[in-house]
N, C-alpha and C. Protein backbone atom coordinates (compact mmCIF):
# COMPACT_ATOMS: atom_id res chain seq x y z
N MET A 1 -72.20 -18.69 -19.30
CA MET A 1 -70.73 -18.95 -19.92
C MET A 1 -70.23 -17.46 -20.35
N LYS A 2 -71.32 -16.35 -20.39
CA LYS A 2 -70.52 -14.95 -20.32
C LYS A 2 -69.44 -14.82 -18.81
N SER A 3 -70.14 -14.92 -17.91
CA SER A 3 -69.43 -14.90 -16.71
C SER A 3 -68.35 -15.76 -16.73
N LEU A 4 -68.18 -17.05 -16.97
CA LEU A 4 -66.44 -17.77 -17.48
C LEU A 4 -65.86 -16.67 -18.31
N LYS A 5 -66.04 -16.36 -19.09
CA LYS A 5 -65.19 -15.70 -19.95
C LYS A 5 -65.04 -14.30 -19.35
N HIS A 6 -65.70 -13.82 -18.49
CA HIS A 6 -65.29 -12.64 -17.65
C HIS A 6 -63.86 -13.04 -16.56
N PHE A 7 -64.24 -14.37 -16.02
CA PHE A 7 -63.42 -14.57 -14.78
C PHE A 7 -62.25 -15.11 -15.52
N LEU A 8 -61.97 -15.55 -16.62
CA LEU A 8 -61.23 -16.33 -17.55
C LEU A 8 -60.50 -14.98 -17.70
N VAL A 9 -60.73 -14.12 -18.22
CA VAL A 9 -59.86 -12.91 -18.62
C VAL A 9 -59.22 -11.86 -17.18
N ALA A 10 -60.07 -12.20 -16.11
CA ALA A 10 -59.47 -11.37 -15.25
C ALA A 10 -58.61 -12.45 -14.64
N ILE A 11 -58.69 -13.84 -15.14
CA ILE A 11 -57.44 -14.31 -13.76
C ILE A 11 -56.00 -14.29 -15.25
N ILE A 12 -56.19 -14.28 -16.61
CA ILE A 12 -55.17 -13.90 -17.53
C ILE A 12 -54.94 -12.48 -16.96
N ALA A 13 -55.62 -11.83 -16.72
CA ALA A 13 -54.70 -9.99 -16.51
C ALA A 13 -54.13 -10.03 -15.38
N ILE A 14 -54.64 -10.72 -14.47
CA ILE A 14 -53.72 -11.02 -13.08
C ILE A 14 -52.24 -11.17 -13.30
N THR A 15 -52.99 -12.50 -13.91
CA THR A 15 -51.71 -13.49 -14.20
C THR A 15 -50.08 -12.47 -14.84
N VAL A 16 -50.84 -11.95 -15.94
CA VAL A 16 -49.55 -11.09 -16.82
C VAL A 16 -49.31 -10.26 -16.17
N SER A 17 -50.20 -9.24 -15.06
CA SER A 17 -49.77 -8.21 -14.50
C SER A 17 -48.58 -8.50 -13.18
N ALA A 18 -49.28 -9.65 -12.66
CA ALA A 18 -48.23 -10.06 -11.67
C ALA A 18 -46.57 -10.26 -11.95
N THR A 19 -46.70 -11.28 -13.26
CA THR A 19 -45.63 -11.64 -14.24
C THR A 19 -44.44 -10.00 -14.23
N SER A 20 -45.12 -9.31 -15.05
CA SER A 20 -44.77 -7.66 -15.76
C SER A 20 -44.14 -6.83 -13.89
N TYR A 21 -45.26 -7.18 -13.27
CA TYR A 21 -44.37 -6.41 -12.07
C TYR A 21 -43.50 -6.86 -11.13
N ALA A 22 -43.27 -8.41 -11.50
CA ALA A 22 -41.91 -9.23 -10.69
C ALA A 22 -40.73 -8.67 -11.78
N GLN A 23 -40.85 -8.38 -12.85
CA GLN A 23 -39.87 -8.47 -13.67
C GLN A 23 -39.91 -7.02 -13.89
N MET A 24 -40.32 -6.03 -12.97
CA MET A 24 -39.98 -4.44 -12.88
C MET A 24 -38.55 -4.34 -11.48
N ALA A 25 -38.12 -5.27 -11.28
CA ALA A 25 -37.36 -5.10 -9.96
C ALA A 25 -36.18 -4.38 -10.54
N ASP A 26 -35.53 -3.54 -9.39
CA ASP A 26 -34.56 -2.53 -9.80
C ASP A 26 -32.98 -2.69 -9.80
N HIS A 27 -32.78 -3.68 -10.69
CA HIS A 27 -31.60 -4.61 -10.78
C HIS A 27 -30.02 -3.89 -10.79
N SER A 28 -30.54 -1.95 -10.77
CA SER A 28 -29.24 -1.08 -10.71
C SER A 28 -28.73 -1.48 -8.88
N LYS A 29 -29.66 -2.14 -8.53
CA LYS A 29 -28.94 -2.06 -6.65
C LYS A 29 -28.35 -3.47 -6.44
N MET A 30 -28.05 -4.52 -7.55
CA MET A 30 -27.45 -5.32 -7.39
C MET A 30 -26.20 -5.08 -7.74
N SER A 31 -25.38 -5.72 -6.90
CA SER A 31 -23.54 -5.77 -7.06
C SER A 31 -23.12 -6.93 -7.88
N ALA A 32 -22.58 -6.43 -8.65
CA ALA A 32 -21.63 -7.19 -9.16
C ALA A 32 -20.23 -7.95 -8.81
N THR A 33 -19.85 -8.94 -8.78
CA THR A 33 -18.61 -9.49 -8.42
C THR A 33 -17.69 -9.20 -9.56
N LYS A 34 -16.66 -8.67 -9.27
CA LYS A 34 -15.66 -8.43 -10.33
C LYS A 34 -14.26 -9.66 -9.92
N THR A 35 -14.05 -10.28 -10.95
CA THR A 35 -13.05 -11.37 -10.97
C THR A 35 -11.37 -10.90 -11.31
N GLU A 36 -10.61 -10.65 -10.56
CA GLU A 36 -9.48 -10.24 -10.75
C GLU A 36 -8.04 -10.91 -10.72
N THR A 37 -6.52 -11.48 -11.22
CA THR A 37 -5.64 -11.87 -11.21
C THR A 37 -4.85 -10.45 -11.12
N ILE A 38 -3.82 -10.89 -9.70
CA ILE A 38 -2.47 -10.06 -9.51
C ILE A 38 -1.53 -10.57 -9.05
N LYS A 39 -0.30 -9.83 -10.05
CA LYS A 39 0.80 -11.10 -9.62
C LYS A 39 1.45 -10.57 -7.84
N VAL A 40 1.26 -10.92 -7.55
CA VAL A 40 2.29 -10.44 -5.62
C VAL A 40 3.33 -11.60 -5.36
N SER A 41 4.22 -10.71 -5.22
CA SER A 41 5.64 -11.64 -4.91
C SER A 41 5.62 -12.39 -3.73
N GLY A 42 6.16 -13.37 -3.49
CA GLY A 42 6.21 -14.08 -2.28
C GLY A 42 6.75 -15.52 -2.36
N LYS A 43 7.10 -16.35 -1.83
CA LYS A 43 7.78 -17.75 -2.05
C LYS A 43 7.38 -18.94 -1.42
N CYS A 44 6.15 -18.70 0.00
CA CYS A 44 6.46 -19.88 0.80
C CYS A 44 4.60 -20.02 1.01
N GLU A 45 4.46 -20.93 1.68
CA GLU A 45 2.89 -20.91 2.37
C GLU A 45 2.90 -19.81 3.90
N SER A 46 3.67 -19.30 3.98
CA SER A 46 3.51 -18.50 5.30
C SER A 46 3.02 -17.37 4.50
N CYS A 47 3.73 -16.85 3.17
CA CYS A 47 3.71 -15.85 2.36
C CYS A 47 2.05 -15.79 2.07
N LYS A 48 1.71 -17.07 1.32
CA LYS A 48 0.12 -17.33 0.99
C LYS A 48 -0.49 -17.13 2.07
N ALA A 49 -0.80 -17.22 3.70
CA ALA A 49 -1.35 -16.74 4.67
C ALA A 49 -1.37 -15.27 4.95
N ARG A 50 -0.57 -15.04 5.00
CA ARG A 50 -0.26 -13.59 4.78
C ARG A 50 -0.89 -12.43 3.95
N ILE A 51 -0.81 -13.25 2.61
CA ILE A 51 -1.40 -12.40 1.33
C ILE A 51 -2.59 -12.78 1.47
N GLU A 52 -3.06 -13.91 1.90
CA GLU A 52 -4.35 -14.17 1.45
C GLU A 52 -5.28 -13.25 3.10
N LYS A 53 -5.02 -13.20 3.65
CA LYS A 53 -5.09 -12.23 4.81
C LYS A 53 -5.36 -11.20 4.65
N ALA A 54 -4.45 -10.33 4.32
CA ALA A 54 -4.33 -9.11 3.66
C ALA A 54 -4.91 -8.49 2.97
N ALA A 55 -5.72 -9.73 2.01
CA ALA A 55 -6.55 -9.01 0.65
C ALA A 55 -8.24 -9.46 1.28
N LYS A 56 -8.23 -10.52 2.40
CA LYS A 56 -9.79 -10.59 2.59
C LYS A 56 -10.08 -9.25 3.39
N VAL A 57 -10.82 -8.28 2.67
CA VAL A 57 -11.14 -7.13 3.34
C VAL A 57 -12.65 -7.64 3.63
N ASP A 58 -13.77 -6.23 3.61
CA ASP A 58 -14.75 -6.60 3.61
C ASP A 58 -15.28 -6.20 1.71
N GLY A 59 -16.12 -6.79 1.34
CA GLY A 59 -16.57 -6.87 -0.34
C GLY A 59 -15.47 -7.99 -0.80
N VAL A 60 -14.60 -8.53 -0.35
CA VAL A 60 -13.29 -9.53 -1.03
C VAL A 60 -14.49 -10.85 -0.88
N THR A 61 -14.97 -11.71 -1.76
CA THR A 61 -15.60 -12.84 -1.50
C THR A 61 -14.35 -14.20 -1.62
N LYS A 62 -12.98 -14.11 -2.46
CA LYS A 62 -12.24 -14.91 -2.84
C LYS A 62 -11.22 -14.19 -2.87
N ALA A 63 -9.75 -14.65 -2.36
CA ALA A 63 -8.71 -14.38 -2.38
C ALA A 63 -7.87 -15.39 -1.94
N VAL A 64 -7.11 -16.20 -3.21
CA VAL A 64 -6.51 -17.47 -3.37
C VAL A 64 -5.37 -17.09 -3.96
N TRP A 65 -4.00 -17.13 -3.42
CA TRP A 65 -2.22 -16.62 -3.96
C TRP A 65 -1.73 -18.30 -3.92
N ASN A 66 -1.20 -18.20 -5.62
CA ASN A 66 -0.72 -19.89 -5.96
C ASN A 66 0.54 -19.51 -5.79
N GLU A 67 1.25 -20.15 -5.22
CA GLU A 67 2.81 -20.22 -4.56
C GLU A 67 3.43 -20.62 -5.92
N LYS A 68 3.24 -21.01 -6.89
CA LYS A 68 4.00 -21.35 -7.79
C LYS A 68 3.56 -20.30 -8.86
N THR A 69 2.85 -19.60 -9.16
CA THR A 69 2.29 -18.62 -10.12
C THR A 69 2.84 -17.21 -10.09
N LYS A 70 2.59 -17.04 -8.51
CA LYS A 70 2.74 -15.95 -7.71
C LYS A 70 1.63 -14.91 -8.08
N ILE A 71 0.60 -15.68 -8.45
CA ILE A 71 -0.55 -14.89 -8.91
C ILE A 71 -1.60 -14.98 -7.89
N LEU A 72 -2.54 -13.89 -7.24
CA LEU A 72 -3.40 -13.89 -6.60
C LEU A 72 -4.66 -13.59 -7.57
N THR A 73 -5.83 -14.84 -7.15
CA THR A 73 -6.96 -14.48 -8.13
C THR A 73 -7.97 -13.71 -6.37
N LEU A 74 -8.57 -12.78 -7.24
CA LEU A 74 -9.50 -12.03 -6.40
C LEU A 74 -11.17 -12.14 -7.23
N ALA A 75 -11.66 -12.35 -6.11
CA ALA A 75 -13.34 -12.00 -6.67
C ALA A 75 -13.85 -10.90 -5.42
N TYR A 76 -14.20 -9.85 -6.01
CA TYR A 76 -14.73 -8.86 -5.16
C TYR A 76 -15.64 -7.74 -5.48
N ASP A 77 -16.60 -7.00 -4.87
CA ASP A 77 -17.48 -6.57 -5.00
C ASP A 77 -16.80 -4.71 -5.22
N PRO A 78 -16.96 -4.44 -6.36
CA PRO A 78 -16.22 -3.17 -6.88
C PRO A 78 -16.63 -1.90 -5.87
N SER A 79 -18.15 -2.07 -5.59
CA SER A 79 -18.76 -0.87 -5.00
C SER A 79 -18.38 -0.75 -3.63
N LYS A 80 -17.53 -1.44 -3.15
CA LYS A 80 -17.24 -1.95 -1.54
C LYS A 80 -15.80 -1.76 -1.45
N VAL A 81 -15.08 -2.17 -2.17
CA VAL A 81 -13.79 -2.26 -2.10
C VAL A 81 -12.53 -1.91 -3.64
N ARG A 82 -11.65 -1.16 -3.82
CA ARG A 82 -11.03 -0.97 -4.84
C ARG A 82 -10.02 -1.90 -5.08
N SER A 83 -9.30 -2.64 -6.04
CA SER A 83 -8.27 -3.17 -6.08
C SER A 83 -7.06 -2.70 -5.75
N ALA A 84 -7.09 -1.46 -5.75
CA ALA A 84 -5.77 -0.77 -5.77
C ALA A 84 -5.52 -0.45 -3.72
N ASP A 85 -6.79 -0.78 -3.35
CA ASP A 85 -7.04 -0.96 -2.08
C ASP A 85 -6.28 -2.21 -1.69
N ILE A 86 -6.92 -3.11 -1.91
CA ILE A 86 -6.19 -4.48 -1.61
C ILE A 86 -4.66 -4.43 -1.85
N GLN A 87 -4.12 -4.00 -2.93
CA GLN A 87 -2.76 -4.16 -3.18
C GLN A 87 -2.13 -3.39 -2.17
N LYS A 88 -2.30 -2.33 -1.68
CA LYS A 88 -1.83 -1.54 -0.55
C LYS A 88 -1.88 -2.45 0.31
N ARG A 89 -2.91 -3.05 0.93
CA ARG A 89 -2.89 -3.76 2.22
C ARG A 89 -1.84 -4.69 2.09
N ILE A 90 -1.78 -5.26 0.97
CA ILE A 90 -0.83 -6.36 0.43
C ILE A 90 0.86 -6.29 0.72
N ALA A 91 1.04 -4.73 0.41
CA ALA A 91 2.14 -4.25 0.36
C ALA A 91 2.58 -3.57 1.63
N ASP A 92 1.32 -3.36 2.38
CA ASP A 92 1.61 -2.75 3.66
C ASP A 92 2.01 -4.44 4.81
N VAL A 93 2.19 -5.37 4.27
CA VAL A 93 2.37 -6.86 5.01
C VAL A 93 3.67 -7.43 4.47
N GLY A 94 4.27 -6.61 3.31
CA GLY A 94 5.52 -6.79 2.83
C GLY A 94 5.93 -7.83 1.58
N HIS A 95 4.44 -7.88 0.98
CA HIS A 95 4.27 -8.25 -0.76
C HIS A 95 4.41 -7.37 -1.52
N ASP A 96 5.19 -7.10 -2.66
CA ASP A 96 5.18 -6.38 -3.63
C ASP A 96 3.78 -6.72 -4.75
N THR A 97 3.27 -5.69 -5.28
CA THR A 97 2.17 -5.76 -6.19
C THR A 97 2.76 -5.03 -7.45
N PRO A 98 1.54 -5.16 -8.56
CA PRO A 98 1.93 -4.08 -9.42
C PRO A 98 1.90 -2.61 -9.43
N LEU A 99 1.02 -2.13 -7.92
CA LEU A 99 0.77 -1.13 -7.95
C LEU A 99 1.47 -0.39 -6.67
N PHE A 100 1.69 -1.42 -5.92
CA PHE A 100 2.87 -1.34 -4.50
C PHE A 100 3.66 -2.09 -4.18
N ARG A 101 4.86 -1.38 -3.90
CA ARG A 101 6.26 -1.67 -3.32
C ARG A 101 6.29 -1.81 -2.03
N ALA A 102 5.87 -2.93 -1.30
CA ALA A 102 6.55 -3.43 0.04
C ALA A 102 7.76 -1.95 0.84
N GLU A 103 7.16 -1.32 1.87
CA GLU A 103 8.60 -0.82 2.70
C GLU A 103 9.63 -1.64 2.73
N ALA A 104 10.78 -1.27 2.62
CA ALA A 104 12.09 -1.68 2.93
C ALA A 104 11.90 -2.54 4.10
N LYS A 105 11.78 -1.25 5.42
CA LYS A 105 11.36 -1.96 6.74
C LYS A 105 10.45 -3.33 7.29
N THR A 106 9.25 -3.26 6.39
CA THR A 106 8.42 -4.24 6.86
C THR A 106 8.83 -5.41 5.69
N TYR A 107 9.85 -5.07 4.59
CA TYR A 107 10.23 -6.53 3.92
C TYR A 107 11.47 -6.87 4.71
N ASN A 108 12.23 -6.69 5.20
CA ASN A 108 13.56 -6.74 6.27
C ASN A 108 12.68 -7.63 7.59
N ALA A 109 11.61 -7.10 7.81
CA ALA A 109 10.96 -7.94 8.92
C ALA A 109 10.28 -9.41 8.74
N LEU A 110 10.35 -9.38 7.12
CA LEU A 110 9.80 -10.72 6.94
C LEU A 110 10.53 -12.03 7.28
N PRO A 111 10.21 -13.43 7.84
CA PRO A 111 10.68 -14.31 7.91
C PRO A 111 11.70 -14.79 6.72
N SER A 112 12.85 -15.55 7.05
CA SER A 112 13.97 -15.13 5.88
C SER A 112 13.43 -16.10 4.91
N CYS A 113 12.69 -17.12 5.15
CA CYS A 113 11.61 -18.15 3.85
C CYS A 113 11.21 -17.33 2.71
N CYS A 114 10.40 -16.15 3.72
CA CYS A 114 9.86 -15.18 2.77
C CYS A 114 10.23 -14.35 1.78
N LYS A 115 11.65 -13.75 2.10
CA LYS A 115 12.51 -13.11 1.05
C LYS A 115 12.61 -13.61 -0.15
N TYR A 116 11.82 -12.87 -1.24
CA TYR A 116 11.96 -12.97 -2.53
C TYR A 116 12.54 -11.95 -3.37
N ARG A 117 13.66 -10.41 -2.65
CA ARG A 117 13.89 -9.43 -3.30
C ARG A 117 15.50 -10.22 -3.58
């Protein structure tokens, strides 16, 4: 009977220590995804494809531009990429964002259906 009690105490101790150890994981290394919406100038399906392609860089898990609202919805890992970097890439392909305006040369090279200025 005494050895049975010792056995049960040992099982309980092992279970508690294993559970405690599992909860000690270092959560600081886990990356958090940030979701953000950005106004991006554009007009058509070609714009949508161009904007979304420019936004999809390493660290971006979602980039969807709505043609009607002109809003780009982004989900990204801020430890890998910054919103400003994504907006710069979008401006570099001819579409204005709150932080960057597309250069005239790039904008003028867009197809006529994509001109929004």
